[in-house]
Amino acid sequence: MSLTGAIVASGQEATTTAPGGGWYTSAQASSGQLLFNNYCAECHRPDLTGADGPALKGAAFLKTFGGQPLSELYGVEHTTMPAVNPGSLPASTLLPITAFILQQNGLPPGDVPLGETALTRTLPTAP
């Protein structure tokens, strides 16, 4: 089941919408994919299924971050990633990467880019 399906099944559909209709913009997620491939894919694989680092999509991702504020994911990214130089990536790099991770987990795009003010939003849980 996709995350979108999981959201609906768990009754958390309201968490998928925000001003602008989604969590991030499609352009931001596209940019994030390029950045992810540059900084993250070596450990998490280009398809986010995990290798040396944990999977960043699907059930494993939701088990760790589902039901948590988005700031939990962002905080891990900001303080521990990339593994070779933790804390070295600025928000201008991490926010698009986070948008890409959200896209790959089925959260919908909208009209407003993901920004630090959206980090209080709660990620959906698995059903």
PDB file of N, CA and C in Angstrom:
ATOM      1  N   MET A   1       0.854  -1.182   0.000  1.00  0.00           N
ATOM      2  CA  MET A   1       0.000   0.000   0.000  1.00  0.00           C
ATOM      3  C   MET A   1       0.887   1.228   0.000  1.00  0.00           C
ATOM      4  N   SER A   2       0.531   2.211  -0.791  1.00  0.00           N
ATOM      5  CA  SER A   2       1.294   3.463  -0.803  1.00  0.00           C
ATOM      6  C   SER A   2       1.035   4.233   0.474  1.00  0.00           C
ATOM      7  N   LEU A   3       1.879   5.199   0.749  1.00  0.00           N
ATOM      8  CA  LEU A   3       1.684   6.015   1.940  1.00  0.00           C
ATOM      9  C   LEU A   3       0.367   6.763   1.857  1.00  0.00           C
ATOM     10  N   THR A   4       0.014   7.217   0.651  1.00  0.00           N
ATOM     11  CA  THR A   4      -1.267   7.900   0.500  1.00  0.00           C
ATOM     12  C   THR A   4      -2.396   6.968   0.900  1.00  0.00           C
ATOM     13  N   GLY A   5      -2.321   5.710   0.452  1.00  0.00           N
ATOM     14  CA  GLY A   5      -3.317   4.732   0.854  1.00  0.00           C
ATOM     15  C   GLY A   5      -3.291   4.482   2.347  1.00  0.00           C
ATOM     16  N   ALA A   6      -2.087   4.454   2.916  1.00  0.00           N
ATOM     17  CA  ALA A   6      -1.953   4.263   4.354  1.00  0.00           C
ATOM     18  C   ALA A   6      -2.564   5.421   5.114  1.00  0.00           C
ATOM     19  N   ILE A   7      -2.401   6.625   4.600  1.00  0.00           N
ATOM     20  CA  ILE A   7      -2.968   7.804   5.246  1.00  0.00           C
ATOM     21  C   ILE A   7      -4.478   7.698   5.286  1.00  0.00           C
ATOM     22  N   VAL A   8      -5.076   7.378   4.161  1.00  0.00           N
ATOM     23  CA  VAL A   8      -6.530   7.272   4.089  1.00  0.00           C
ATOM     24  C   VAL A   8      -7.020   6.143   4.978  1.00  0.00           C
ATOM     25  N   ALA A   9      -6.333   4.987   4.927  1.00  0.00           N
ATOM     26  CA  ALA A   9      -6.752   3.845   5.724  1.00  0.00           C
ATOM     27  C   ALA A   9      -6.658   4.114   7.214  1.00  0.00           C
ATOM     28  N   SER A  10      -5.708   4.952   7.614  1.00  0.00           N
ATOM     29  CA  SER A  10      -5.544   5.216   9.038  1.00  0.00           C
ATOM     30  C   SER A  10      -6.354   6.410   9.517  1.00  0.00           C
ATOM     31  N   GLY A  11      -7.118   7.031   8.605  1.00  0.00           N
ATOM     32  CA  GLY A  11      -7.931   8.169   8.999  1.00  0.00           C
ATOM     33  C   GLY A  11      -7.140   9.440   9.174  1.00  0.00           C
ATOM     34  N   GLN A  12      -5.948   9.520   8.622  1.00  0.00           N
ATOM     35  CA  GLN A  12      -5.109  10.684   8.808  1.00  0.00           C
ATOM     36  C   GLN A  12      -5.027  11.531   7.550  1.00  0.00           C
ATOM     37  N   GLU A  13      -6.017  11.465   6.718  1.00  0.00           N
ATOM     38  CA  GLU A  13      -5.983  12.188   5.457  1.00  0.00           C
ATOM     39  C   GLU A  13      -5.752  13.680   5.666  1.00  0.00           C
ATOM     40  N   ALA A  14      -6.241  14.242   6.747  1.00  0.00           N
ATOM     41  CA  ALA A  14      -6.095  15.675   6.985  1.00  0.00           C
ATOM     42  C   ALA A  14      -4.636  16.105   7.076  1.00  0.00           C
ATOM     43  N   THR A  15      -3.738  15.201   7.467  1.00  0.00           N
ATOM     44  CA  THR A  15      -2.334  15.581   7.584  1.00  0.00           C
ATOM     45  C   THR A  15      -1.671  15.737   6.234  1.00  0.00           C
ATOM     46  N   THR A  16      -2.353  15.355   5.153  1.00  0.00           N
ATOM     47  CA  THR A  16      -1.718  15.428   3.842  1.00  0.00           C
ATOM     48  C   THR A  16      -1.936  16.776   3.181  1.00  0.00           C
ATOM     49  N   THR A  17      -2.758  17.623   3.751  1.00  0.00           N
ATOM     50  CA  THR A  17      -3.009  18.907   3.116  1.00  0.00           C
ATOM     51  C   THR A  17      -2.506  20.042   3.990  1.00  0.00           C
ATOM     52  N   ALA A  18      -2.144  21.110   3.329  1.00  0.00           N
ATOM     53  CA  ALA A  18      -1.645  22.300   4.003  1.00  0.00           C
ATOM     54  C   ALA A  18      -1.983  23.477   3.118  1.00  0.00           C
ATOM     55  N   PRO A  19      -1.722  24.682   3.576  1.00  0.00           N
ATOM     56  CA  PRO A  19      -1.894  25.800   2.666  1.00  0.00           C
ATOM     57  C   PRO A  19      -1.103  25.523   1.391  1.00  0.00           C
ATOM     58  N   GLY A  20      -1.732  25.638   0.260  1.00  0.00           N
ATOM     59  CA  GLY A  20      -1.075  25.305  -0.992  1.00  0.00           C
ATOM     60  C   GLY A  20      -1.384  23.894  -1.444  1.00  0.00           C
ATOM     61  N   GLY A  21      -2.052  23.094  -0.624  1.00  0.00           N
ATOM     62  CA  GLY A  21      -2.549  21.793  -1.022  1.00  0.00           C
ATOM     63  C   GLY A  21      -1.626  20.606  -0.864  1.00  0.00           C
ATOM     64  N   GLY A  22      -0.453  20.725  -0.314  1.00  0.00           N
ATOM     65  CA  GLY A  22       0.430  19.580  -0.160  1.00  0.00           C
ATOM     66  C   GLY A  22       1.561  19.871   0.790  1.00  0.00           C
ATOM     67  N   TRP A  23       2.612  19.085   0.686  1.00  0.00           N
ATOM     68  CA  TRP A  23       3.742  19.170   1.598  1.00  0.00           C
ATOM     69  C   TRP A  23       4.933  19.916   1.017  1.00  0.00           C
ATOM     70  N   TYR A  24       5.061  19.958  -0.298  1.00  0.00           N
ATOM     71  CA  TYR A  24       6.239  20.478  -0.996  1.00  0.00           C
ATOM     72  C   TYR A  24       5.813  20.757  -2.429  1.00  0.00           C
ATOM     73  N   THR A  25       6.658  21.364  -3.242  1.00  0.00           N
ATOM     74  CA  THR A  25       6.339  21.521  -4.656  1.00  0.00           C
ATOM     75  C   THR A  25       7.015  20.400  -5.451  1.00  0.00           C
ATOM     76  N   SER A  26       6.463  20.105  -6.611  1.00  0.00           N
ATOM     77  CA  SER A  26       7.067  19.081  -7.473  1.00  0.00           C
ATOM     78  C   SER A  26       8.481  19.481  -7.876  1.00  0.00           C
ATOM     79  N   ALA A  27       8.683  20.777  -8.166  1.00  0.00           N
ATOM     80  CA  ALA A  27      10.017  21.251  -8.545  1.00  0.00           C
ATOM     81  C   ALA A  27      11.004  21.063  -7.391  1.00  0.00           C
ATOM     82  N   GLN A  28      10.548  21.297  -6.173  1.00  0.00           N
ATOM     83  CA  GLN A  28      11.418  21.127  -5.013  1.00  0.00           C
ATOM     84  C   GLN A  28      11.821  19.658  -4.853  1.00  0.00           C
ATOM     85  N   ALA A  29      10.875  18.748  -5.043  1.00  0.00           N
ATOM     86  CA  ALA A  29      11.187  17.320  -4.935  1.00  0.00           C
ATOM     87  C   ALA A  29      12.124  16.877  -6.057  1.00  0.00           C
ATOM     88  N   SER A  30      11.944  17.423  -7.247  1.00  0.00           N
ATOM     89  CA  SER A  30      12.847  17.087  -8.360  1.00  0.00           C
ATOM     90  C   SER A  30      14.272  17.541  -8.051  1.00  0.00           C
ATOM     91  N   SER A  31      14.393  18.741  -7.535  1.00  0.00           N
ATOM     92  CA  SER A  31      15.700  19.243  -7.115  1.00  0.00           C
ATOM     93  C   SER A  31      16.263  18.367  -6.001  1.00  0.00           C
ATOM     94  N   GLY A  32      15.398  17.972  -5.098  1.00  0.00           N
ATOM     95  CA  GLY A  32      15.798  17.115  -3.985  1.00  0.00           C
ATOM     96  C   GLY A  32      16.314  15.762  -4.438  1.00  0.00           C
ATOM     97  N   GLN A  33      15.746  15.234  -5.521  1.00  0.00           N
ATOM     98  CA  GLN A  33      16.218  13.948  -6.032  1.00  0.00           C
ATOM     99  C   GLN A  33      17.682  14.057  -6.484  1.00  0.00           C
ATOM    100  N   LEU A  34      18.007  15.133  -7.173  1.00  0.00           N
ATOM    101  CA  LEU A  34      19.395  15.340  -7.603  1.00  0.00           C
ATOM    102  C   LEU A  34      20.328  15.470  -6.396  1.00  0.00           C
ATOM    103  N   LEU A  35      19.901  16.234  -5.411  1.00  0.00           N
ATOM    104  CA  LEU A  35      20.707  16.411  -4.205  1.00  0.00           C
ATOM    105  C   LEU A  35      20.829  15.099  -3.426  1.00  0.00           C
ATOM    106  N   PHE A  36      19.726  14.356  -3.340  1.00  0.00           N
ATOM    107  CA  PHE A  36      19.746  13.062  -2.669  1.00  0.00           C
ATOM    108  C   PHE A  36      20.765  12.140  -3.333  1.00  0.00           C
ATOM    109  N   ASN A  37      20.737  12.110  -4.665  1.00  0.00           N
ATOM    110  CA  ASN A  37      21.683  11.257  -5.386  1.00  0.00           C
ATOM    111  C   ASN A  37      23.124  11.668  -5.122  1.00  0.00           C
ATOM    112  N   ASN A  38      23.366  12.969  -4.938  1.00  0.00           N
ATOM    113  CA  ASN A  38      24.722  13.462  -4.668  1.00  0.00           C
ATOM    114  C   ASN A  38      25.186  13.179  -3.243  1.00  0.00           C
ATOM    115  N   TYR A  39      24.282  13.306  -2.271  1.00  0.00           N
ATOM    116  CA  TYR A  39      24.680  13.257  -0.865  1.00  0.00           C
ATOM    117  C   TYR A  39      24.225  12.022  -0.087  1.00  0.00           C
ATOM    118  N   CYS A  40      23.202  11.329  -0.565  1.00  0.00           N
ATOM    119  CA  CYS A  40      22.553  10.312   0.265  1.00  0.00           C
ATOM    120  C   CYS A  40      22.488   8.914  -0.345  1.00  0.00           C
ATOM    121  N   ALA A  41      22.456   8.845  -1.669  1.00  0.00           N
ATOM    122  CA  ALA A  41      22.180   7.577  -2.352  1.00  0.00           C
ATOM    123  C   ALA A  41      23.231   6.506  -2.084  1.00  0.00           C
ATOM    124  N   GLU A  42      24.457   6.906  -1.825  1.00  0.00           N
ATOM    125  CA  GLU A  42      25.494   5.900  -1.587  1.00  0.00           C
ATOM    126  C   GLU A  42      25.133   5.001  -0.404  1.00  0.00           C
ATOM    127  N   CYS A  43      24.569   5.572   0.636  1.00  0.00           N
ATOM    128  CA  CYS A  43      24.202   4.788   1.824  1.00  0.00           C
ATOM    129  C   CYS A  43      22.737   4.337   1.821  1.00  0.00           C
ATOM    130  N   HIS A  44      21.860   5.132   1.212  1.00  0.00           N
ATOM    131  CA  HIS A  44      20.422   4.838   1.272  1.00  0.00           C
ATOM    132  C   HIS A  44      19.861   4.315  -0.051  1.00  0.00           C
ATOM    133  N   ARG A  45      20.690   4.205  -1.079  1.00  0.00           N
ATOM    134  CA  ARG A  45      20.357   3.775  -2.438  1.00  0.00           C
ATOM    135  C   ARG A  45      19.476   4.805  -3.138  1.00  0.00           C
ATOM    136  N   PRO A  46      19.615   4.911  -4.450  1.00  0.00           N
ATOM    137  CA  PRO A  46      18.800   5.875  -5.206  1.00  0.00           C
ATOM    138  C   PRO A  46      17.297   5.650  -5.055  1.00  0.00           C
ATOM    139  N   ASP A  47      16.889   4.391  -4.810  1.00  0.00           N
ATOM    140  CA  ASP A  47      15.460   4.104  -4.647  1.00  0.00           C
ATOM    141  C   ASP A  47      15.008   4.174  -3.188  1.00  0.00           C
ATOM    142  N   LEU A  48      15.884   4.637  -2.306  1.00  0.00           N
ATOM    143  CA  LEU A  48      15.618   4.859  -0.875  1.00  0.00           C
ATOM    144  C   LEU A  48      15.358   3.579  -0.082  1.00  0.00           C
ATOM    145  N   THR A  49      15.738   2.414  -0.618  1.00  0.00           N
ATOM    146  CA  THR A  49      15.470   1.149   0.060  1.00  0.00           C
ATOM    147  C   THR A  49      16.517   0.791   1.104  1.00  0.00           C
ATOM    148  N   GLY A  50      17.568   1.580   1.205  1.00  0.00           N
ATOM    149  CA  GLY A  50      18.565   1.374   2.246  1.00  0.00           C
ATOM    150  C   GLY A  50      19.682   0.434   1.825  1.00  0.00           C
ATOM    151  N   ALA A  51      20.838   0.655   2.382  1.00  0.00           N
ATOM    152  CA  ALA A  51      22.023  -0.185   2.188  1.00  0.00           C
ATOM    153  C   ALA A  51      22.812  -0.067   3.490  1.00  0.00           C
ATOM    154  N   ASP A  52      23.867   0.750   3.493  1.00  0.00           N
ATOM    155  CA  ASP A  52      24.589   1.008   4.745  1.00  0.00           C
ATOM    156  C   ASP A  52      23.732   1.844   5.692  1.00  0.00           C
ATOM    157  N   GLY A  53      22.872   2.682   5.121  1.00  0.00           N
ATOM    158  CA  GLY A  53      21.925   3.479   5.895  1.00  0.00           C
ATOM    159  C   GLY A  53      20.538   2.856   5.801  1.00  0.00           C
ATOM    160  N   PRO A  54      19.624   3.242   6.668  1.00  0.00           N
ATOM    161  CA  PRO A  54      18.286   2.647   6.673  1.00  0.00           C
ATOM    162  C   PRO A  54      17.444   3.065   5.461  1.00  0.00           C
ATOM    163  N   ALA A  55      16.419   2.294   5.210  1.00  0.00           N
ATOM    164  CA  ALA A  55      15.449   2.634   4.168  1.00  0.00           C
ATOM    165  C   ALA A  55      14.755   3.940   4.551  1.00  0.00           C
ATOM    166  N   LEU A  56      14.501   4.765   3.537  1.00  0.00           N
ATOM    167  CA  LEU A  56      13.843   6.053   3.764  1.00  0.00           C
ATOM    168  C   LEU A  56      12.471   6.111   3.109  1.00  0.00           C
ATOM    169  N   LYS A  57      11.909   4.950   2.832  1.00  0.00           N
ATOM    170  CA  LYS A  57      10.540   4.911   2.332  1.00  0.00           C
ATOM    171  C   LYS A  57       9.900   3.594   2.745  1.00  0.00           C
ATOM    172  N   GLY A  58       8.584   3.604   2.744  1.00  0.00           N
ATOM    173  CA  GLY A  58       7.852   2.396   3.049  1.00  0.00           C
ATOM    174  C   GLY A  58       7.684   2.141   4.539  1.00  0.00           C
ATOM    175  N   ALA A  59       7.427   0.878   4.857  1.00  0.00           N
ATOM    176  CA  ALA A  59       7.099   0.481   6.229  1.00  0.00           C
ATOM    177  C   ALA A  59       8.218   0.811   7.212  1.00  0.00           C
ATOM    178  N   ALA A  60       9.462   0.584   6.818  1.00  0.00           N
ATOM    179  CA  ALA A  60      10.586   0.864   7.732  1.00  0.00           C
ATOM    180  C   ALA A  60      10.661   2.346   8.066  1.00  0.00           C
ATOM    181  N   PHE A  61      10.455   3.181   7.058  1.00  0.00           N
ATOM    182  CA  PHE A  61      10.461   4.626   7.277  1.00  0.00           C
ATOM    183  C   PHE A  61       9.323   5.033   8.201  1.00  0.00           C
ATOM    184  N   LEU A  62       8.115   4.519   7.925  1.00  0.00           N
ATOM    185  CA  LEU A  62       6.950   4.874   8.744  1.00  0.00           C
ATOM    186  C   LEU A  62       7.071   4.355  10.166  1.00  0.00           C
ATOM    187  N   LYS A  63       7.708   3.223  10.339  1.00  0.00           N
ATOM    188  CA  LYS A  63       7.895   2.692  11.690  1.00  0.00           C
ATOM    189  C   LYS A  63       8.749   3.644  12.521  1.00  0.00           C
ATOM    190  N   THR A  64       9.734   4.252  11.876  1.00  0.00           N
ATOM    191  CA  THR A  64      10.626   5.170  12.577  1.00  0.00           C
ATOM    192  C   THR A  64      10.029   6.564  12.728  1.00  0.00           C
ATOM    193  N   PHE A  65       9.455   7.110  11.639  1.00  0.00           N
ATOM    194  CA  PHE A  65       9.061   8.519  11.648  1.00  0.00           C
ATOM    195  C   PHE A  65       7.554   8.764  11.612  1.00  0.00           C
ATOM    196  N   GLY A  66       6.746   7.750  11.327  1.00  0.00           N
ATOM    197  CA  GLY A  66       5.301   7.933  11.295  1.00  0.00           C
ATOM    198  C   GLY A  66       4.757   8.383  12.639  1.00  0.00           C
ATOM    199  N   GLY A  67       3.846   9.343  12.611  1.00  0.00           N
ATOM    200  CA  GLY A  67       3.264   9.882  13.831  1.00  0.00           C
ATOM    201  C   GLY A  67       4.135  10.918  14.516  1.00  0.00           C
ATOM    202  N   GLN A  68       5.325  11.155  13.983  1.00  0.00           N
ATOM    203  CA  GLN A  68       6.256  12.127  14.549  1.00  0.00           C
ATOM    204  C   GLN A  68       6.169  13.441  13.765  1.00  0.00           C
ATOM    205  N   PRO A  69       6.525  14.542  14.390  1.00  0.00           N
ATOM    206  CA  PRO A  69       6.620  15.784  13.625  1.00  0.00           C
ATOM    207  C   PRO A  69       7.714  15.637  12.556  1.00  0.00           C
ATOM    208  N   LEU A  70       7.524  16.269  11.440  1.00  0.00           N
ATOM    209  CA  LEU A  70       8.515  16.250  10.374  1.00  0.00           C
ATOM    210  C   LEU A  70       9.870  16.738  10.874  1.00  0.00           C
ATOM    211  N   SER A  71       9.866  17.544  11.921  1.00  0.00           N
ATOM    212  CA  SER A  71      11.123  18.039  12.499  1.00  0.00           C
ATOM    213  C   SER A  71      12.012  16.901  13.003  1.00  0.00           C
ATOM    214  N   GLU A  72      11.440  15.760  13.359  1.00  0.00           N
ATOM    215  CA  GLU A  72      12.250  14.614  13.797  1.00  0.00           C
ATOM    216  C   GLU A  72      13.115  14.114  12.649  1.00  0.00           C
ATOM    217  N   LEU A  73      12.518  13.917  11.480  1.00  0.00           N
ATOM    218  CA  LEU A  73      13.274  13.500  10.303  1.00  0.00           C
ATOM    219  C   LEU A  73      14.310  14.562   9.943  1.00  0.00           C
ATOM    220  N   TYR A  74      13.875  15.794   9.871  1.00  0.00           N
ATOM    221  CA  TYR A  74      14.765  16.890   9.501  1.00  0.00           C
ATOM    222  C   TYR A  74      15.921  17.005  10.496  1.00  0.00           C
ATOM    223  N   GLY A  75      15.635  16.818  11.767  1.00  0.00           N
ATOM    224  CA  GLY A  75      16.679  16.889  12.786  1.00  0.00           C
ATOM    225  C   GLY A  75      17.728  15.807  12.604  1.00  0.00           C
ATOM    226  N   VAL A  76      17.302  14.600  12.281  1.00  0.00           N
ATOM    227  CA  VAL A  76      18.248  13.509  12.016  1.00  0.00           C
ATOM    228  C   VAL A  76      19.091  13.856  10.801  1.00  0.00           C
ATOM    229  N   GLU A  77      18.436  14.338   9.757  1.00  0.00           N
ATOM    230  CA  GLU A  77      19.173  14.726   8.549  1.00  0.00           C
ATOM    231  C   GLU A  77      20.192  15.825   8.872  1.00  0.00           C
ATOM    232  N   HIS A  78      19.752  16.810   9.621  1.00  0.00           N
ATOM    233  CA  HIS A  78      20.581  17.987   9.889  1.00  0.00           C
ATOM    234  C   HIS A  78      21.771  17.681  10.797  1.00  0.00           C
ATOM    235  N   THR A  79      21.594  16.802  11.757  1.00  0.00           N
ATOM    236  CA  THR A  79      22.658  16.571  12.737  1.00  0.00           C
ATOM    237  C   THR A  79      23.536  15.358  12.441  1.00  0.00           C
ATOM    238  N   THR A  80      23.034  14.386  11.683  1.00  0.00           N
ATOM    239  CA  THR A  80      23.806  13.148  11.492  1.00  0.00           C
ATOM    240  C   THR A  80      24.158  12.846  10.042  1.00  0.00           C
ATOM    241  N   MET A  81      23.677  13.641   9.110  1.00  0.00           N
ATOM    242  CA  MET A  81      23.907  13.372   7.692  1.00  0.00           C
ATOM    243  C   MET A  81      24.636  14.537   7.048  1.00  0.00           C
ATOM    244  N   PRO A  82      25.376  14.295   6.009  1.00  0.00           N
ATOM    245  CA  PRO A  82      25.773  12.975   5.513  1.00  0.00           C
ATOM    246  C   PRO A  82      26.766  12.321   6.475  1.00  0.00           C
ATOM    247  N   ALA A  83      26.816  11.023   6.441  1.00  0.00           N
ATOM    248  CA  ALA A  83      27.630  10.271   7.405  1.00  0.00           C
ATOM    249  C   ALA A  83      29.101  10.680   7.358  1.00  0.00           C
ATOM    250  N   VAL A  84      29.586  11.078   6.190  1.00  0.00           N
ATOM    251  CA  VAL A  84      31.002  11.452   6.063  1.00  0.00           C
ATOM    252  C   VAL A  84      31.297  12.846   6.598  1.00  0.00           C
ATOM    253  N   ASN A  85      30.255  13.678   6.798  1.00  0.00           N
ATOM    254  CA  ASN A  85      30.448  15.039   7.302  1.00  0.00           C
ATOM    255  C   ASN A  85      29.145  15.521   7.953  1.00  0.00           C
ATOM    256  N   PRO A  86      28.768  14.930   9.090  1.00  0.00           N
ATOM    257  CA  PRO A  86      27.487  15.240   9.718  1.00  0.00           C
ATOM    258  C   PRO A  86      27.282  16.728   9.969  1.00  0.00           C
ATOM    259  N   GLY A  87      26.069  17.185   9.698  1.00  0.00           N
ATOM    260  CA  GLY A  87      25.701  18.561   9.969  1.00  0.00           C
ATOM    261  C   GLY A  87      26.220  19.572   8.967  1.00  0.00           C
ATOM    262  N   SER A  88      26.798  19.104   7.880  1.00  0.00           N
ATOM    263  CA  SER A  88      27.433  20.021   6.940  1.00  0.00           C
ATOM    264  C   SER A  88      26.498  20.588   5.881  1.00  0.00           C
ATOM    265  N   LEU A  89      25.299  20.024   5.731  1.00  0.00           N
ATOM    266  CA  LEU A  89      24.403  20.485   4.670  1.00  0.00           C
ATOM    267  C   LEU A  89      23.464  21.573   5.182  1.00  0.00           C
ATOM    268  N   PRO A  90      23.358  22.675   4.446  1.00  0.00           N
ATOM    269  CA  PRO A  90      22.467  23.768   4.853  1.00  0.00           C
ATOM    270  C   PRO A  90      21.001  23.426   4.573  1.00  0.00           C
ATOM    271  N   ALA A  91      20.114  24.207   5.147  1.00  0.00           N
ATOM    272  CA  ALA A  91      18.670  24.022   4.938  1.00  0.00           C
ATOM    273  C   ALA A  91      18.320  24.080   3.457  1.00  0.00           C
ATOM    274  N   SER A  92      19.023  24.893   2.694  1.00  0.00           N
ATOM    275  CA  SER A  92      18.731  25.015   1.264  1.00  0.00           C
ATOM    276  C   SER A  92      18.996  23.711   0.516  1.00  0.00           C
ATOM    277  N   THR A  93      19.758  22.821   1.096  1.00  0.00           N
ATOM    278  CA  THR A  93      19.996  21.485   0.528  1.00  0.00           C
ATOM    279  C   THR A  93      19.085  20.458   1.182  1.00  0.00           C
ATOM    280  N   LEU A  94      18.944  20.526   2.500  1.00  0.00           N
ATOM    281  CA  LEU A  94      18.170  19.518   3.228  1.00  0.00           C
ATOM    282  C   LEU A  94      16.672  19.586   2.958  1.00  0.00           C
ATOM    283  N   LEU A  95      16.125  20.770   2.798  1.00  0.00           N
ATOM    284  CA  LEU A  95      14.680  20.860   2.571  1.00  0.00           C
ATOM    285  C   LEU A  95      14.264  20.208   1.249  1.00  0.00           C
ATOM    286  N   PRO A  96      14.975  20.427   0.141  1.00  0.00           N
ATOM    287  CA  PRO A  96      14.610  19.693  -1.076  1.00  0.00           C
ATOM    288  C   PRO A  96      14.809  18.173  -0.941  1.00  0.00           C
ATOM    289  N   ILE A  97      15.865  17.757  -0.244  1.00  0.00           N
ATOM    290  CA  ILE A  97      16.058  16.321  -0.010  1.00  0.00           C
ATOM    291  C   ILE A  97      14.880  15.764   0.778  1.00  0.00           C
ATOM    292  N   THR A  98      14.448  16.478   1.793  1.00  0.00           N
ATOM    293  CA  THR A  98      13.296  16.049   2.588  1.00  0.00           C
ATOM    294  C   THR A  98      12.045  15.996   1.728  1.00  0.00           C
ATOM    295  N   ALA A  99      11.866  16.983   0.851  1.00  0.00           N
ATOM    296  CA  ALA A  99      10.719  16.977  -0.066  1.00  0.00           C
ATOM    297  C   ALA A  99      10.743  15.732  -0.946  1.00  0.00           C
ATOM    298  N   PHE A 100      11.917  15.355  -1.442  1.00  0.00           N
ATOM    299  CA  PHE A 100      12.049  14.154  -2.256  1.00  0.00           C
ATOM    300  C   PHE A 100      11.680  12.910  -1.444  1.00  0.00           C
ATOM    301  N   ILE A 101      12.130  12.826  -0.214  1.00  0.00           N
ATOM    302  CA  ILE A 101      11.781  11.684   0.637  1.00  0.00           C
ATOM    303  C   ILE A 101      10.271  11.622   0.842  1.00  0.00           C
ATOM    304  N   LEU A 102       9.637  12.761   1.093  1.00  0.00           N
ATOM    305  CA  LEU A 102       8.185  12.794   1.263  1.00  0.00           C
ATOM    306  C   LEU A 102       7.479  12.357  -0.018  1.00  0.00           C
ATOM    307  N   GLN A 103       7.973  12.839  -1.165  1.00  0.00           N
ATOM    308  CA  GLN A 103       7.386  12.444  -2.449  1.00  0.00           C
ATOM    309  C   GLN A 103       7.471  10.925  -2.627  1.00  0.00           C
ATOM    310  N   GLN A 104       8.617  10.359  -2.326  1.00  0.00           N
ATOM    311  CA  GLN A 104       8.812   8.921  -2.501  1.00  0.00           C
ATOM    312  C   GLN A 104       7.970   8.099  -1.528  1.00  0.00           C
ATOM    313  N   ASN A 105       7.466   8.735  -0.494  1.00  0.00           N
ATOM    314  CA  ASN A 105       6.581   8.066   0.453  1.00  0.00           C
ATOM    315  C   ASN A 105       5.109   8.363   0.186  1.00  0.00           C
ATOM    316  N   GLY A 106       4.833   8.989  -0.961  1.00  0.00           N
ATOM    317  CA  GLY A 106       3.449   9.178  -1.379  1.00  0.00           C
ATOM    318  C   GLY A 106       2.752  10.409  -0.856  1.00  0.00           C
ATOM    319  N   LEU A 107       3.435  11.284  -0.140  1.00  0.00           N
ATOM    320  CA  LEU A 107       2.785  12.508   0.302  1.00  0.00           C
ATOM    321  C   LEU A 107       2.653  13.443  -0.893  1.00  0.00           C
ATOM    322  N   PRO A 108       1.551  14.167  -0.982  1.00  0.00           N
ATOM    323  CA  PRO A 108       1.260  14.931  -2.194  1.00  0.00           C
ATOM    324  C   PRO A 108       2.012  16.261  -2.285  1.00  0.00           C
ATOM    325  N   PRO A 109       2.295  16.676  -3.523  1.00  0.00           N
ATOM    326  CA  PRO A 109       2.869  18.004  -3.737  1.00  0.00           C
ATOM    327  C   PRO A 109       1.785  19.063  -3.642  1.00  0.00           C
ATOM    328  N   GLY A 110       2.210  20.296  -3.568  1.00  0.00           N
ATOM    329  CA  GLY A 110       1.277  21.417  -3.533  1.00  0.00           C
ATOM    330  C   GLY A 110       1.889  22.626  -4.188  1.00  0.00           C
ATOM    331  N   ASP A 111       1.401  23.786  -3.808  1.00  0.00           N
ATOM    332  CA  ASP A 111       1.842  25.051  -4.401  1.00  0.00           C
ATOM    333  C   ASP A 111       2.926  25.745  -3.596  1.00  0.00           C
ATOM    334  N   VAL A 112       3.173  25.278  -2.377  1.00  0.00           N
ATOM    335  CA  VAL A 112       4.105  25.952  -1.475  1.00  0.00           C
ATOM    336  C   VAL A 112       5.284  25.022  -1.194  1.00  0.00           C
ATOM    337  N   PRO A 113       6.517  25.500  -1.386  1.00  0.00           N
ATOM    338  CA  PRO A 113       7.674  24.654  -1.079  1.00  0.00           C
ATOM    339  C   PRO A 113       7.729  24.288   0.401  1.00  0.00           C
ATOM    340  N   LEU A 114       8.281  23.131   0.679  1.00  0.00           N
ATOM    341  CA  LEU A 114       8.524  22.729   2.057  1.00  0.00           C
ATOM    342  C   LEU A 114       9.505  23.722   2.666  1.00  0.00           C
ATOM    343  N   GLY A 115       9.150  24.241   3.814  1.00  0.00           N
ATOM    344  CA  GLY A 115      10.010  25.186   4.517  1.00  0.00           C
ATOM    345  C   GLY A 115      10.101  24.808   5.979  1.00  0.00           C
ATOM    346  N   GLU A 116      10.965  25.466   6.698  1.00  0.00           N
ATOM    347  CA  GLU A 116      11.171  25.139   8.105  1.00  0.00           C
ATOM    348  C   GLU A 116       9.921  25.339   8.943  1.00  0.00           C
ATOM    349  N   THR A 117       9.012  26.206   8.527  1.00  0.00           N
ATOM    350  CA  THR A 117       7.775  26.397   9.288  1.00  0.00           C
ATOM    351  C   THR A 117       6.852  25.187   9.191  1.00  0.00           C
ATOM    352  N   ALA A 118       7.023  24.356   8.175  1.00  0.00           N
ATOM    353  CA  ALA A 118       6.176  23.162   8.007  1.00  0.00           C
ATOM    354  C   ALA A 118       6.677  21.984   8.818  1.00  0.00           C
ATOM    355  N   LEU A 119       7.792  22.134   9.495  1.00  0.00           N
ATOM    356  CA  LEU A 119       8.392  20.999  10.209  1.00  0.00           C
ATOM    357  C   LEU A 119       7.586  20.556  11.418  1.00  0.00           C
ATOM    358  N   THR A 120       6.601  21.312  11.827  1.00  0.00           N
ATOM    359  CA  THR A 120       5.752  20.904  12.940  1.00  0.00           C
ATOM    360  C   THR A 120       4.651  19.944  12.496  1.00  0.00           C
ATOM    361  N   ARG A 121       4.447  19.809  11.196  1.00  0.00           N
ATOM    362  CA  ARG A 121       3.409  18.906  10.693  1.00  0.00           C
ATOM    363  C   ARG A 121       3.772  17.458  11.038  1.00  0.00           C
ATOM    364  N   THR A 122       2.752  16.673  11.334  1.00  0.00           N
ATOM    365  CA  THR A 122       2.947  15.286  11.729  1.00  0.00           C
ATOM    366  C   THR A 122       2.915  14.363  10.525  1.00  0.00           C
ATOM    367  N   LEU A 123       3.923  13.511  10.451  1.00  0.00           N
ATOM    368  CA  LEU A 123       3.953  12.508   9.387  1.00  0.00           C
ATOM    369  C   LEU A 123       2.925  11.430   9.677  1.00  0.00           C
ATOM    370  N   PRO A 124       2.276  10.909   8.651  1.00  0.00           N
ATOM    371  CA  PRO A 124       1.275   9.868   8.852  1.00  0.00           C
ATOM    372  C   PRO A 124       1.909   8.573   9.320  1.00  0.00           C
ATOM    373  N   THR A 125       1.101   7.731   9.929  1.00  0.00           N
ATOM    374  CA  THR A 125       1.553   6.425  10.395  1.00  0.00           C
ATOM    375  C   THR A 125       1.073   5.356   9.431  1.00  0.00           C
ATOM    376  N   ALA A 126       1.690   4.206   9.513  1.00  0.00           N
ATOM    377  CA  ALA A 126       1.249   3.064   8.731  1.00  0.00           C
ATOM    378  C   ALA A 126      -0.052   2.546   9.334  1.00  0.00           C
ATOM    379  N   PRO A 127      -0.875   1.923   8.518  1.00  0.00           N
ATOM    380  CA  PRO A 127      -2.153   1.395   9.054  1.00  0.00           C
ATOM    381  C   PRO A 127      -1.925   0.260  10.014  1.00  0.00           C
TER     382      PRO A 127
END
